[in-house]
């Protein structure tokens, strides 16, 4: 997975300013949510404009978190970052076991059934009570496919950019 070394991985979003000393309110996209505070530095950006910030501290705040970043010293500078995505370099993420995957690595892969028939491209994944589910889109049609390696997922092949599943789309 060396090709992903420089890739940004989204871990959250700035929802606004907190207080008058430049702290940010942030929503986490990590599991568990508190893990967002373990990654350092953060890259904040919108579109193609990214800037790296050292995380000086943070803590839970209701259903979200508040964080203090180096260089943000007042409410106005923090508020300008509202809506920015929070990302880290792919190399900052822990190594995975052979049959584990980061969702961000699966998004965009082509999905085909066991007979080689294309089912579409992974748009996103979502967590359900039972297991993770891939949202696969082909044209205007979305198909929900359980992401269960060894059962509904036969193989994930990053070299060919495909996921082979034991799943057949309705005709």
N, C-alpha and C. Protein backbone atom coordinates (compact mmCIF):
# COMPACT_ATOMS: atom_id res chain seq x y z
N UNK A 1 0.81 -1.18 0.00
CA UNK A 1 0.00 0.00 0.00
C UNK A 1 0.86 1.26 0.00
N UNK A 2 2.07 1.15 -0.54
CA UNK A 2 2.97 2.30 -0.60
C UNK A 2 2.40 3.42 -1.47
N UNK A 3 1.53 3.08 -2.41
CA UNK A 3 0.95 4.09 -3.28
C UNK A 3 0.10 5.09 -2.50
N UNK A 4 -0.35 4.70 -1.29
CA UNK A 4 -1.19 5.57 -0.48
C UNK A 4 -0.39 6.40 0.51
N UNK A 5 0.92 6.29 0.51
CA UNK A 5 1.74 6.95 1.53
C UNK A 5 1.45 8.44 1.65
N UNK A 6 1.24 9.15 0.55
CA UNK A 6 1.00 10.58 0.61
C UNK A 6 -0.47 10.97 0.63
N UNK A 7 -1.34 10.00 0.66
CA UNK A 7 -2.78 10.24 0.58
C UNK A 7 -3.33 10.80 1.90
N UNK A 8 -4.23 11.77 1.79
CA UNK A 8 -4.93 12.30 2.97
C UNK A 8 -6.13 11.41 3.27
N UNK A 9 -6.33 11.16 4.56
CA UNK A 9 -7.46 10.35 5.00
C UNK A 9 -8.33 11.21 5.91
N UNK A 10 -9.60 11.39 5.55
CA UNK A 10 -10.48 12.21 6.39
C UNK A 10 -10.73 11.56 7.74
N UNK A 11 -10.63 12.37 8.81
CA UNK A 11 -10.89 11.85 10.15
C UNK A 11 -11.94 12.69 10.89
N UNK A 12 -12.40 13.78 10.28
CA UNK A 12 -13.40 14.60 10.94
C UNK A 12 -13.65 15.89 10.20
N UNK A 13 -14.37 16.80 10.88
CA UNK A 13 -14.71 18.09 10.28
C UNK A 13 -14.83 19.13 11.39
N UNK A 14 -14.40 20.34 11.08
CA UNK A 14 -14.54 21.46 12.00
C UNK A 14 -15.97 21.97 11.91
N UNK A 15 -16.66 22.01 13.05
CA UNK A 15 -18.04 22.49 13.03
C UNK A 15 -18.17 23.95 13.47
N UNK A 16 -17.11 24.52 14.05
CA UNK A 16 -17.17 25.93 14.43
C UNK A 16 -16.11 26.28 15.46
N UNK A 17 -16.20 27.50 15.95
CA UNK A 17 -15.28 27.97 16.98
C UNK A 17 -15.85 27.61 18.35
N UNK A 18 -14.95 27.49 19.33
CA UNK A 18 -15.35 27.21 20.71
C UNK A 18 -14.63 28.21 21.61
N UNK A 19 -15.36 29.04 22.28
CA UNK A 19 -14.76 30.02 23.18
C UNK A 19 -14.09 31.15 22.42
N UNK A 20 -13.28 31.92 23.15
CA UNK A 20 -12.65 33.11 22.56
C UNK A 20 -11.15 32.97 22.35
N UNK A 21 -10.58 31.80 22.68
CA UNK A 21 -9.13 31.63 22.60
C UNK A 21 -8.67 30.76 21.42
N UNK A 22 -9.49 30.64 20.39
CA UNK A 22 -9.06 29.95 19.18
C UNK A 22 -9.30 28.45 19.16
N UNK A 23 -10.05 27.92 20.11
CA UNK A 23 -10.36 26.49 20.10
C UNK A 23 -11.41 26.19 19.02
N UNK A 24 -11.41 24.95 18.54
CA UNK A 24 -12.35 24.50 17.52
C UNK A 24 -13.31 23.46 18.08
N UNK A 25 -14.55 23.47 17.59
CA UNK A 25 -15.47 22.36 17.81
C UNK A 25 -15.29 21.43 16.61
N UNK A 26 -15.11 20.14 16.88
CA UNK A 26 -14.89 19.18 15.79
C UNK A 26 -15.78 17.96 15.95
N UNK A 27 -16.16 17.41 14.81
CA UNK A 27 -16.90 16.15 14.74
C UNK A 27 -15.93 15.08 14.25
N UNK A 28 -15.92 13.97 14.94
CA UNK A 28 -14.98 12.90 14.60
C UNK A 28 -15.60 11.89 13.65
N UNK A 29 -14.78 11.37 12.73
CA UNK A 29 -15.17 10.28 11.84
C UNK A 29 -14.34 9.04 12.13
N UNK A 30 -13.66 9.03 13.29
CA UNK A 30 -12.82 7.89 13.64
C UNK A 30 -13.60 6.91 14.51
N UNK A 31 -13.08 5.72 14.65
CA UNK A 31 -13.69 4.71 15.51
C UNK A 31 -12.63 4.19 16.46
N UNK A 32 -12.76 4.38 17.75
CA UNK A 32 -13.80 5.15 18.41
C UNK A 32 -13.63 6.65 18.15
N UNK A 33 -14.68 7.45 18.35
CA UNK A 33 -14.60 8.88 18.05
C UNK A 33 -13.46 9.61 18.76
N UNK A 34 -13.10 9.20 19.96
CA UNK A 34 -12.03 9.88 20.70
C UNK A 34 -10.66 9.71 20.05
N UNK A 35 -10.52 8.78 19.13
CA UNK A 35 -9.24 8.55 18.46
C UNK A 35 -8.79 9.77 17.67
N UNK A 36 -9.72 10.63 17.29
CA UNK A 36 -9.35 11.83 16.52
C UNK A 36 -8.29 12.64 17.25
N UNK A 37 -8.33 12.64 18.57
CA UNK A 37 -7.38 13.43 19.36
C UNK A 37 -6.00 12.79 19.44
N UNK A 38 -5.87 11.54 19.00
CA UNK A 38 -4.57 10.84 19.03
C UNK A 38 -3.71 11.15 17.82
N UNK A 39 -4.32 11.58 16.73
CA UNK A 39 -3.57 11.85 15.50
C UNK A 39 -2.97 13.25 15.53
N UNK A 40 -1.72 13.33 15.13
CA UNK A 40 -1.02 14.62 15.09
C UNK A 40 0.05 14.57 14.03
N UNK A 41 0.20 15.57 13.23
CA UNK A 41 -0.60 16.79 13.10
C UNK A 41 -1.87 16.54 12.30
N UNK A 42 -2.76 17.53 12.33
CA UNK A 42 -3.95 17.52 11.50
C UNK A 42 -3.70 18.37 10.27
N UNK A 43 -4.34 17.98 9.18
CA UNK A 43 -4.37 18.81 7.99
C UNK A 43 -5.81 19.29 7.84
N UNK A 44 -5.99 20.60 7.76
CA UNK A 44 -7.32 21.17 7.60
C UNK A 44 -7.42 21.78 6.22
N UNK A 45 -8.57 21.57 5.59
CA UNK A 45 -8.72 22.15 4.27
C UNK A 45 -10.10 22.00 3.69
N UNK A 46 -10.26 22.71 2.60
CA UNK A 46 -11.45 22.64 1.75
C UNK A 46 -10.96 22.55 0.32
N UNK A 47 -11.49 21.62 -0.42
CA UNK A 47 -11.04 21.46 -1.80
C UNK A 47 -9.57 21.10 -1.84
N UNK A 48 -8.78 21.85 -2.58
CA UNK A 48 -7.36 21.56 -2.71
C UNK A 48 -6.47 22.40 -1.82
N UNK A 49 -7.06 23.24 -0.96
CA UNK A 49 -6.27 24.14 -0.12
C UNK A 49 -6.14 23.55 1.28
N UNK A 50 -4.96 23.00 1.61
CA UNK A 50 -4.73 22.31 2.88
C UNK A 50 -3.60 22.98 3.65
N UNK A 51 -3.75 22.96 4.98
CA UNK A 51 -2.71 23.50 5.85
C UNK A 51 -2.55 22.57 7.05
N UNK A 52 -1.30 22.34 7.44
CA UNK A 52 -1.00 21.45 8.57
C UNK A 52 -1.00 22.24 9.88
N UNK A 53 -1.58 21.65 10.94
CA UNK A 53 -1.63 22.26 12.26
C UNK A 53 -1.20 21.26 13.31
N UNK A 54 -0.37 21.70 14.26
CA UNK A 54 -0.05 20.88 15.42
C UNK A 54 -1.23 20.94 16.38
N UNK A 55 -1.62 19.79 16.92
CA UNK A 55 -2.70 19.72 17.89
C UNK A 55 -2.09 19.89 19.28
N UNK A 56 -2.49 20.95 19.97
CA UNK A 56 -1.94 21.24 21.30
C UNK A 56 -2.73 20.55 22.41
N UNK A 57 -3.99 20.27 22.16
CA UNK A 57 -4.82 19.61 23.17
C UNK A 57 -6.23 19.47 22.68
N UNK A 58 -7.00 18.69 23.43
CA UNK A 58 -8.40 18.50 23.08
C UNK A 58 -9.10 17.68 24.14
N UNK A 59 -10.43 17.69 24.05
CA UNK A 59 -11.22 16.92 25.02
C UNK A 59 -12.63 16.73 24.46
N UNK A 60 -13.35 15.73 25.01
CA UNK A 60 -14.74 15.55 24.60
C UNK A 60 -15.57 16.77 25.01
N UNK A 61 -16.59 17.06 24.22
CA UNK A 61 -17.51 18.16 24.52
C UNK A 61 -18.87 17.76 23.97
N UNK A 62 -19.73 17.24 24.84
CA UNK A 62 -21.02 16.72 24.39
C UNK A 62 -20.80 15.55 23.46
N UNK A 63 -21.47 15.58 22.31
CA UNK A 63 -21.33 14.50 21.32
C UNK A 63 -20.13 14.72 20.41
N UNK A 64 -19.43 15.84 20.59
CA UNK A 64 -18.30 16.17 19.72
C UNK A 64 -17.04 16.34 20.58
N UNK A 65 -16.10 17.10 20.05
CA UNK A 65 -14.84 17.37 20.74
C UNK A 65 -14.46 18.82 20.52
N UNK A 66 -13.62 19.33 21.40
CA UNK A 66 -13.01 20.64 21.19
C UNK A 66 -11.51 20.42 21.14
N UNK A 67 -10.84 21.20 20.31
CA UNK A 67 -9.40 21.04 20.14
C UNK A 67 -8.73 22.39 20.01
N UNK A 68 -7.51 22.45 20.52
CA UNK A 68 -6.70 23.66 20.40
C UNK A 68 -5.56 23.35 19.43
N UNK A 69 -5.42 24.19 18.40
CA UNK A 69 -4.39 24.01 17.39
C UNK A 69 -3.40 25.16 17.45
N UNK A 70 -2.14 24.85 17.20
CA UNK A 70 -1.10 25.88 17.19
C UNK A 70 -1.43 26.92 16.13
N UNK A 71 -1.26 28.18 16.48
CA UNK A 71 -1.47 29.27 15.52
C UNK A 71 -2.86 29.86 15.54
N UNK A 72 -3.79 29.23 16.25
CA UNK A 72 -5.14 29.77 16.37
C UNK A 72 -5.27 30.35 17.78
N UNK A 73 -5.37 31.67 17.85
CA UNK A 73 -5.35 32.29 19.17
C UNK A 73 -6.59 33.09 19.49
N UNK A 74 -7.52 33.22 18.54
CA UNK A 74 -8.74 33.97 18.84
C UNK A 74 -9.92 33.33 18.11
N UNK A 75 -11.10 33.72 18.50
CA UNK A 75 -12.33 33.15 17.96
C UNK A 75 -12.44 33.35 16.44
N UNK A 76 -12.03 34.52 15.97
CA UNK A 76 -12.15 34.81 14.54
C UNK A 76 -11.29 33.87 13.69
N UNK A 77 -10.07 33.59 14.11
CA UNK A 77 -9.21 32.69 13.33
C UNK A 77 -9.77 31.27 13.37
N UNK A 78 -10.37 30.88 14.49
CA UNK A 78 -10.99 29.56 14.57
C UNK A 78 -12.25 29.49 13.71
N UNK A 79 -13.05 30.53 13.73
CA UNK A 79 -14.30 30.54 12.98
C UNK A 79 -14.07 30.47 11.47
N UNK A 80 -12.96 31.01 10.99
CA UNK A 80 -12.63 30.93 9.55
C UNK A 80 -12.43 29.49 9.09
N UNK A 81 -12.17 28.58 10.02
CA UNK A 81 -11.96 27.17 9.67
C UNK A 81 -13.25 26.35 9.76
N UNK A 82 -14.36 26.96 10.14
CA UNK A 82 -15.63 26.24 10.22
C UNK A 82 -15.95 25.60 8.88
N UNK A 83 -16.31 24.34 8.91
CA UNK A 83 -16.63 23.60 7.68
C UNK A 83 -15.44 22.92 7.04
N UNK A 84 -14.23 23.18 7.54
CA UNK A 84 -13.04 22.55 6.96
C UNK A 84 -13.01 21.06 7.32
N UNK A 85 -12.51 20.26 6.39
CA UNK A 85 -12.28 18.85 6.66
C UNK A 85 -11.00 18.70 7.47
N UNK A 86 -10.97 17.67 8.31
CA UNK A 86 -9.77 17.32 9.07
C UNK A 86 -9.26 16.02 8.49
N UNK A 87 -7.98 15.98 8.14
CA UNK A 87 -7.40 14.78 7.56
C UNK A 87 -6.02 14.54 8.17
N UNK A 88 -5.53 13.33 7.98
CA UNK A 88 -4.16 12.99 8.36
C UNK A 88 -3.54 12.24 7.18
N UNK A 89 -2.25 12.15 7.19
CA UNK A 89 -1.55 11.38 6.18
C UNK A 89 -1.85 9.90 6.38
N UNK A 90 -1.99 9.16 5.31
CA UNK A 90 -2.28 7.71 5.37
C UNK A 90 -1.24 7.00 6.21
N UNK A 91 0.00 7.49 6.21
CA UNK A 91 1.07 6.84 6.97
C UNK A 91 0.88 6.98 8.48
N UNK A 92 0.00 7.86 8.94
CA UNK A 92 -0.26 8.03 10.36
C UNK A 92 -1.22 6.97 10.91
N UNK A 93 -1.88 6.23 10.04
CA UNK A 93 -2.84 5.23 10.50
C UNK A 93 -2.13 3.95 10.91
N UNK A 94 -2.67 3.25 11.91
CA UNK A 94 -2.07 1.98 12.33
C UNK A 94 -2.13 0.92 11.22
N UNK A 95 -1.18 0.01 11.23
CA UNK A 95 -1.17 -1.10 10.28
C UNK A 95 -2.37 -2.00 10.57
N UNK A 96 -2.85 -2.66 9.53
CA UNK A 96 -4.01 -3.53 9.65
C UNK A 96 -3.63 -4.99 9.49
N UNK A 97 -4.46 -5.86 10.03
CA UNK A 97 -4.32 -7.31 9.80
C UNK A 97 -4.65 -7.58 8.34
N UNK A 98 -4.25 -8.74 7.81
CA UNK A 98 -4.45 -9.04 6.38
C UNK A 98 -5.88 -8.88 5.85
N UNK A 99 -6.91 -9.23 6.61
CA UNK A 99 -8.28 -9.12 6.12
C UNK A 99 -9.02 -7.92 6.70
N UNK A 100 -8.27 -6.89 7.10
CA UNK A 100 -8.88 -5.65 7.58
C UNK A 100 -8.61 -4.55 6.56
N UNK A 101 -9.54 -3.58 6.50
CA UNK A 101 -9.42 -2.52 5.51
C UNK A 101 -9.90 -1.21 6.10
N UNK A 102 -9.28 -0.14 5.67
CA UNK A 102 -9.81 1.18 5.97
C UNK A 102 -10.86 1.50 4.93
N UNK A 103 -11.99 2.03 5.38
CA UNK A 103 -13.08 2.35 4.47
C UNK A 103 -12.60 3.25 3.35
N UNK A 104 -11.76 4.22 3.67
CA UNK A 104 -11.31 5.16 2.64
C UNK A 104 -10.56 4.46 1.51
N UNK A 105 -10.00 3.29 1.77
CA UNK A 105 -9.29 2.55 0.73
C UNK A 105 -10.24 1.76 -0.16
N UNK A 106 -11.45 1.52 0.32
CA UNK A 106 -12.43 0.74 -0.44
C UNK A 106 -13.29 1.63 -1.35
N UNK A 107 -13.48 2.88 -0.94
CA UNK A 107 -14.30 3.80 -1.73
C UNK A 107 -13.66 4.00 -3.10
N UNK A 108 -14.46 3.84 -4.14
CA UNK A 108 -13.98 4.00 -5.51
C UNK A 108 -13.64 2.69 -6.20
N UNK A 109 -13.52 1.60 -5.45
CA UNK A 109 -13.22 0.31 -6.09
C UNK A 109 -14.45 -0.20 -6.84
N UNK A 110 -14.19 -0.90 -7.94
CA UNK A 110 -15.25 -1.53 -8.72
C UNK A 110 -15.67 -2.82 -8.02
N UNK A 111 -16.96 -3.11 -8.05
CA UNK A 111 -17.49 -4.32 -7.43
C UNK A 111 -18.06 -5.20 -8.53
N UNK A 112 -17.71 -6.47 -8.46
CA UNK A 112 -18.26 -7.43 -9.42
C UNK A 112 -18.70 -8.67 -8.67
N UNK A 113 -19.68 -9.38 -9.27
CA UNK A 113 -20.13 -10.61 -8.63
C UNK A 113 -19.16 -11.74 -8.94
N UNK A 114 -19.42 -12.90 -8.38
CA UNK A 114 -18.51 -14.05 -8.52
C UNK A 114 -18.37 -14.51 -9.97
N UNK A 115 -19.30 -14.13 -10.85
CA UNK A 115 -19.23 -14.49 -12.26
C UNK A 115 -18.52 -13.43 -13.09
N UNK A 116 -18.05 -12.37 -12.44
CA UNK A 116 -17.35 -11.31 -13.16
C UNK A 116 -18.24 -10.21 -13.70
N UNK A 117 -19.53 -10.27 -13.38
CA UNK A 117 -20.45 -9.22 -13.85
C UNK A 117 -20.31 -7.98 -12.98
N UNK A 118 -20.14 -6.81 -13.61
CA UNK A 118 -19.97 -5.58 -12.82
C UNK A 118 -21.26 -5.19 -12.10
N UNK A 119 -21.11 -4.76 -10.85
CA UNK A 119 -22.25 -4.31 -10.05
C UNK A 119 -22.20 -2.82 -9.79
N UNK A 120 -21.03 -2.20 -10.01
CA UNK A 120 -20.92 -0.76 -9.79
C UNK A 120 -19.65 -0.43 -9.02
N UNK A 121 -19.62 0.78 -8.50
CA UNK A 121 -18.46 1.30 -7.79
C UNK A 121 -18.86 1.64 -6.35
N UNK A 122 -17.97 1.37 -5.40
CA UNK A 122 -18.24 1.68 -3.99
C UNK A 122 -18.26 3.21 -3.83
N UNK A 123 -19.40 3.73 -3.40
CA UNK A 123 -19.56 5.17 -3.16
C UNK A 123 -19.21 5.54 -1.73
N UNK A 124 -19.62 4.67 -0.81
CA UNK A 124 -19.35 4.88 0.61
C UNK A 124 -19.66 3.59 1.35
N UNK A 125 -19.31 3.56 2.61
CA UNK A 125 -19.67 2.44 3.47
C UNK A 125 -20.43 3.00 4.65
N UNK A 126 -21.25 2.16 5.25
CA UNK A 126 -21.97 2.58 6.44
C UNK A 126 -21.99 1.44 7.44
N UNK A 127 -22.07 1.84 8.68
CA UNK A 127 -22.07 0.88 9.76
C UNK A 127 -23.51 0.56 10.12
N UNK A 128 -23.80 -0.71 10.29
CA UNK A 128 -25.12 -1.13 10.77
C UNK A 128 -24.88 -1.96 12.02
N UNK A 129 -25.92 -2.35 12.68
CA UNK A 129 -25.76 -3.15 13.89
C UNK A 129 -25.12 -4.49 13.65
N UNK A 130 -25.39 -5.08 12.50
CA UNK A 130 -24.89 -6.42 12.22
C UNK A 130 -23.50 -6.42 11.58
N UNK A 131 -23.27 -5.52 10.63
CA UNK A 131 -22.01 -5.50 9.88
C UNK A 131 -21.94 -4.23 9.05
N UNK A 132 -20.78 -3.98 8.47
CA UNK A 132 -20.63 -2.83 7.58
C UNK A 132 -21.30 -3.15 6.25
N UNK A 133 -21.75 -2.10 5.57
CA UNK A 133 -22.45 -2.26 4.29
C UNK A 133 -21.82 -1.31 3.28
N UNK A 134 -21.54 -1.85 2.08
CA UNK A 134 -21.05 -1.03 0.96
C UNK A 134 -22.25 -0.47 0.21
N UNK A 135 -22.18 0.81 -0.11
CA UNK A 135 -23.18 1.42 -0.99
C UNK A 135 -22.52 1.45 -2.36
N UNK A 136 -23.03 0.61 -3.25
CA UNK A 136 -22.46 0.43 -4.58
C UNK A 136 -23.40 1.06 -5.59
N UNK A 137 -22.85 1.91 -6.46
CA UNK A 137 -23.69 2.61 -7.42
C UNK A 137 -23.28 2.27 -8.84
N UNK A 138 -24.29 2.00 -9.64
CA UNK A 138 -24.12 1.77 -11.08
C UNK A 138 -25.17 2.62 -11.77
N UNK A 139 -24.72 3.65 -12.49
CA UNK A 139 -25.67 4.59 -13.08
C UNK A 139 -26.41 5.29 -11.96
N UNK A 140 -27.74 5.27 -12.01
CA UNK A 140 -28.54 5.89 -10.96
C UNK A 140 -29.03 4.92 -9.91
N UNK A 141 -28.58 3.68 -9.98
CA UNK A 141 -29.07 2.65 -9.07
C UNK A 141 -28.05 2.38 -7.97
N UNK A 142 -28.52 2.35 -6.73
CA UNK A 142 -27.67 2.00 -5.59
C UNK A 142 -28.03 0.61 -5.11
N UNK A 143 -26.99 -0.17 -4.80
CA UNK A 143 -27.17 -1.50 -4.24
C UNK A 143 -26.41 -1.53 -2.92
N UNK A 144 -27.05 -2.07 -1.88
CA UNK A 144 -26.41 -2.22 -0.59
C UNK A 144 -25.91 -3.65 -0.46
N UNK A 145 -24.60 -3.80 -0.23
CA UNK A 145 -23.99 -5.12 -0.15
C UNK A 145 -23.26 -5.23 1.17
N UNK A 146 -23.57 -6.26 1.97
CA UNK A 146 -22.84 -6.45 3.23
C UNK A 146 -21.35 -6.61 2.97
N UNK A 147 -20.53 -5.93 3.79
CA UNK A 147 -19.09 -6.09 3.67
C UNK A 147 -18.64 -7.05 4.77
N UNK A 148 -18.69 -8.35 4.42
CA UNK A 148 -18.32 -9.40 5.36
C UNK A 148 -17.29 -10.30 4.68
N UNK A 149 -15.98 -10.01 4.88
CA UNK A 149 -14.94 -10.83 4.27
C UNK A 149 -15.11 -12.31 4.65
N UNK A 150 -14.94 -13.17 3.64
CA UNK A 150 -15.09 -14.60 3.86
C UNK A 150 -16.51 -15.08 3.68
N UNK A 151 -17.46 -14.15 3.61
CA UNK A 151 -18.86 -14.52 3.37
C UNK A 151 -19.35 -13.83 2.11
N UNK A 152 -19.84 -12.60 2.22
CA UNK A 152 -20.33 -11.90 1.03
C UNK A 152 -19.19 -11.29 0.22
N UNK A 153 -18.05 -11.05 0.85
CA UNK A 153 -16.88 -10.51 0.13
C UNK A 153 -15.87 -11.62 -0.06
N UNK A 154 -15.66 -12.01 -1.30
CA UNK A 154 -14.69 -13.07 -1.61
C UNK A 154 -13.26 -12.55 -1.62
N UNK A 155 -13.08 -11.36 -2.26
CA UNK A 155 -11.71 -10.87 -2.44
C UNK A 155 -11.72 -9.36 -2.64
N UNK A 156 -10.73 -8.72 -2.03
CA UNK A 156 -10.47 -7.31 -2.28
C UNK A 156 -9.11 -7.27 -2.96
N UNK A 157 -9.07 -6.73 -4.16
CA UNK A 157 -7.83 -6.70 -4.94
C UNK A 157 -7.50 -5.25 -5.30
N UNK A 158 -6.56 -4.67 -4.55
CA UNK A 158 -6.20 -3.28 -4.78
C UNK A 158 -5.41 -3.11 -6.07
N UNK A 159 -4.71 -4.15 -6.52
CA UNK A 159 -3.94 -4.05 -7.77
C UNK A 159 -4.86 -3.86 -8.97
N UNK A 160 -6.00 -4.57 -8.98
CA UNK A 160 -6.94 -4.43 -10.10
C UNK A 160 -8.05 -3.44 -9.77
N UNK A 161 -8.13 -3.01 -8.52
CA UNK A 161 -9.16 -2.04 -8.13
C UNK A 161 -10.54 -2.65 -8.06
N UNK A 162 -10.63 -3.93 -7.66
CA UNK A 162 -11.93 -4.60 -7.63
C UNK A 162 -12.19 -5.30 -6.30
N UNK A 163 -13.47 -5.44 -6.02
CA UNK A 163 -13.95 -6.25 -4.92
C UNK A 163 -14.86 -7.29 -5.54
N UNK A 164 -14.59 -8.57 -5.27
CA UNK A 164 -15.43 -9.66 -5.79
C UNK A 164 -16.33 -10.10 -4.66
N UNK A 165 -17.64 -10.16 -4.95
CA UNK A 165 -18.63 -10.49 -3.93
C UNK A 165 -19.49 -11.66 -4.34
N UNK A 166 -20.00 -12.37 -3.34
CA UNK A 166 -21.05 -13.37 -3.52
C UNK A 166 -22.37 -12.64 -3.34
N UNK A 167 -22.77 -11.94 -4.36
CA UNK A 167 -23.97 -11.12 -4.30
C UNK A 167 -24.44 -10.90 -5.72
N UNK A 168 -25.70 -11.07 -5.92
CA UNK A 168 -26.21 -10.91 -7.26
C UNK A 168 -27.27 -9.82 -7.27
N UNK A 169 -27.10 -8.85 -8.13
CA UNK A 169 -28.07 -7.75 -8.22
C UNK A 169 -29.37 -8.25 -8.77
N UNK A 170 -30.47 -7.65 -8.32
CA UNK A 170 -31.79 -8.01 -8.87
C UNK A 170 -31.85 -7.62 -10.33
N UNK A 171 -32.46 -8.48 -11.16
CA UNK A 171 -32.57 -8.15 -12.59
C UNK A 171 -33.51 -7.01 -12.83
